[in-house]
Amino acid sequence: MGTAEMEKVFQLGTSDDEIVAALQEPQPILRERAIALAARHLAPETLGRFVADDENAVLRNAALSALERQGPYAVPHLVALSRGENAEVAMFAVQILSRIKDPGRRRLCCRCWSIPIPTSRRPRSRRSGRSRPARRSRD
């Protein structure tokens, strides 16, 4: 499928199968366009199935890129994938979670993995930028 054909298909409205086929395009420019479309039109659950595909690395990598582009929308499904039994899929899910800039991601991940939610590492007196008041000596 050439660039002009792909653009025409995408403008007419694509089915999920057409997007999945485009994710496997050998030309990087076409595959990038398909990844952007997959991020907008495919559910995280659909893309997650392709992450578990050991046979087709091109499709798996394209699905990983699309999930990352979905950002916070994909976080609940990525957390579920990270808790699954397939260690390789879990590793990929954690890798994507680490790249997504979502404030709720850390809290959700910690809750799902039963990890205490970390607090700020700096002492309370330094969080606001003020130094701790000097102690008065007791004479």
Protein backbone atom coordinates (compact mmCIF):
# COMPACT_ATOMS: atom_id res chain seq x y z
CA MET A 1 0.00 0.00 0.00
CA GLY A 2 1.55 3.29 -1.11
CA THR A 3 1.36 6.67 0.59
CA ALA A 4 -1.44 7.98 -1.64
CA GLU A 5 -3.48 4.79 -1.20
CA MET A 6 -3.02 4.85 2.56
CA GLU A 7 -4.03 8.51 2.81
CA LYS A 8 -7.17 7.83 0.76
CA VAL A 9 -8.11 4.83 2.90
CA PHE A 10 -7.59 6.83 6.11
CA GLN A 11 -9.67 9.74 4.83
CA LEU A 12 -12.55 7.44 3.88
CA GLY A 13 -12.62 5.94 7.35
CA THR A 14 -10.69 2.85 8.18
CA SER A 15 -11.54 -0.38 9.83
CA ASP A 16 -9.43 -1.81 12.63
CA ASP A 17 -8.10 -4.48 10.26
CA GLU A 18 -6.84 -1.86 7.84
CA ILE A 19 -5.04 0.01 10.61
CA VAL A 20 -3.48 -3.24 11.85
CA ALA A 21 -2.32 -4.06 8.33
CA ALA A 22 -0.81 -0.58 8.03
CA LEU A 23 1.07 -1.07 11.32
CA GLN A 24 3.07 -3.76 9.53
CA GLU A 25 4.06 -1.61 6.53
CA PRO A 26 7.72 -1.96 5.57
CA GLN A 27 8.07 1.79 4.87
CA PRO A 28 8.76 3.68 8.13
CA ILE A 29 6.82 6.80 7.07
CA LEU A 30 3.67 4.79 6.42
CA ARG A 31 4.10 2.82 9.63
CA GLU A 32 4.47 6.06 11.64
CA ARG A 33 1.22 7.35 10.15
CA ALA A 34 -0.48 4.07 11.01
CA ILE A 35 0.85 4.24 14.60
CA ALA A 36 -0.68 7.71 14.99
CA LEU A 37 -4.01 6.41 13.67
CA ALA A 38 -3.87 3.34 15.89
CA ALA A 39 -3.27 5.54 18.94
CA ARG A 40 -6.40 7.54 18.09
CA HIS A 41 -8.72 4.77 16.89
CA LEU A 42 -7.79 1.45 18.51
CA ALA A 43 -8.58 0.54 22.09
CA PRO A 44 -5.67 -0.20 24.45
CA GLU A 45 -7.00 -3.76 24.81
CA THR A 46 -6.68 -4.30 21.06
CA LEU A 47 -3.14 -2.96 20.99
CA GLY A 48 -2.28 -5.00 24.09
CA ARG A 49 -3.05 -8.21 22.21
CA PHE A 50 -0.36 -7.33 19.67
CA VAL A 51 2.20 -6.68 22.40
CA ALA A 52 1.95 -10.37 23.30
CA ASP A 53 2.64 -11.41 19.67
CA ASP A 54 6.02 -13.18 19.76
CA GLU A 55 5.88 -13.98 16.05
CA ASN A 56 5.63 -10.45 14.62
CA ALA A 57 8.11 -8.00 16.15
CA VAL A 58 7.14 -5.20 13.74
CA LEU A 59 3.51 -5.34 14.85
CA ARG A 60 4.51 -5.63 18.51
CA ASN A 61 6.79 -2.58 18.33
CA ALA A 62 4.16 -0.56 16.48
CA ALA A 63 1.56 -1.48 19.11
CA LEU A 64 3.97 -0.43 21.87
CA SER A 65 4.48 2.94 20.19
CA ALA A 66 0.73 3.43 19.78
CA LEU A 67 0.09 2.57 23.45
CA GLU A 68 2.73 5.07 24.50
CA ARG A 69 1.09 7.75 22.35
CA GLN A 70 -2.28 7.03 23.97
CA GLY A 71 -0.77 8.24 27.22
CA PRO A 72 -3.00 8.33 30.33
CA TYR A 73 -5.87 6.67 28.44
CA ALA A 74 -3.82 3.45 28.19
CA VAL A 75 -2.52 3.44 31.79
CA PRO A 76 -5.19 1.16 33.35
CA HIS A 77 -4.71 -1.46 30.64
CA LEU A 78 -0.91 -1.21 30.84
CA VAL A 79 -1.07 -1.76 34.61
CA ALA A 80 -3.21 -4.86 33.99
CA LEU A 81 -0.66 -6.10 31.41
CA SER A 82 2.18 -5.51 33.87
CA ARG A 83 0.47 -7.79 36.39
CA GLY A 84 -0.07 -10.59 33.87
CA GLU A 85 1.68 -13.93 33.77
CA ASN A 86 3.72 -13.24 30.62
CA ALA A 87 6.93 -11.71 31.95
CA GLU A 88 7.97 -10.27 28.59
CA VAL A 89 4.63 -8.47 28.12
CA ALA A 90 4.82 -7.23 31.71
CA MET A 91 8.29 -5.83 31.06
CA PHE A 92 7.08 -3.99 27.94
CA ALA A 93 4.07 -2.60 29.84
CA VAL A 94 6.25 -1.28 32.68
CA GLN A 95 8.61 0.25 30.12
CA ILE A 96 5.74 2.16 28.50
CA LEU A 97 4.32 3.17 31.89
CA SER A 98 7.66 4.69 32.79
CA ARG A 99 7.53 6.91 29.68
CA ILE A 100 3.97 8.18 30.14
CA LYS A 101 3.84 11.53 31.90
CA ASP A 102 0.68 11.16 33.97
CA PRO A 103 0.49 12.29 37.60
CA GLY A 104 -1.98 9.55 38.51
CA ARG A 105 0.17 6.82 36.97
CA ARG A 106 2.45 6.40 39.99
CA ARG A 107 -0.42 6.21 42.47
CA LEU A 108 -2.35 3.70 40.32
CA CYS A 109 0.72 1.54 39.74
CA CYS A 110 1.67 1.50 43.41
CA ARG A 111 -1.88 0.60 44.44
CA CYS A 112 -2.11 -2.23 41.91
CA TRP A 113 1.30 -3.65 42.75
CA SER A 114 0.72 -3.29 46.52
CA ILE A 115 3.67 -0.96 46.95
CA PRO A 116 3.58 1.86 49.52
CA ILE A 117 3.14 5.18 47.76
CA PRO A 118 6.44 7.05 48.01
CA THR A 119 6.45 10.55 49.40
CA SER A 120 8.80 13.37 48.65
CA ARG A 121 12.40 12.54 49.49
CA ARG A 122 13.23 16.00 50.76
CA PRO A 123 12.49 16.97 54.34
CA ARG A 124 9.30 19.00 54.77
CA SER A 125 11.26 22.13 55.69
CA ARG A 126 13.07 22.10 52.35
CA ARG A 127 10.04 21.44 50.11
CA SER A 128 8.95 25.06 50.20
CA GLY A 129 12.48 26.35 49.72
CA ARG A 130 12.68 27.81 53.20
CA SER A 131 15.40 26.74 55.52
CA ARG A 132 14.65 25.35 58.93
CA PRO A 133 14.55 28.04 61.62
CA ALA A 134 17.53 28.12 63.93
CA ARG A 135 17.02 26.40 67.26
CA ARG A 136 17.09 28.57 70.29
CA SER A 137 19.42 27.44 72.95
CA ARG A 138 17.91 26.79 76.36
CA ASP A 139 20.00 28.70 78.82
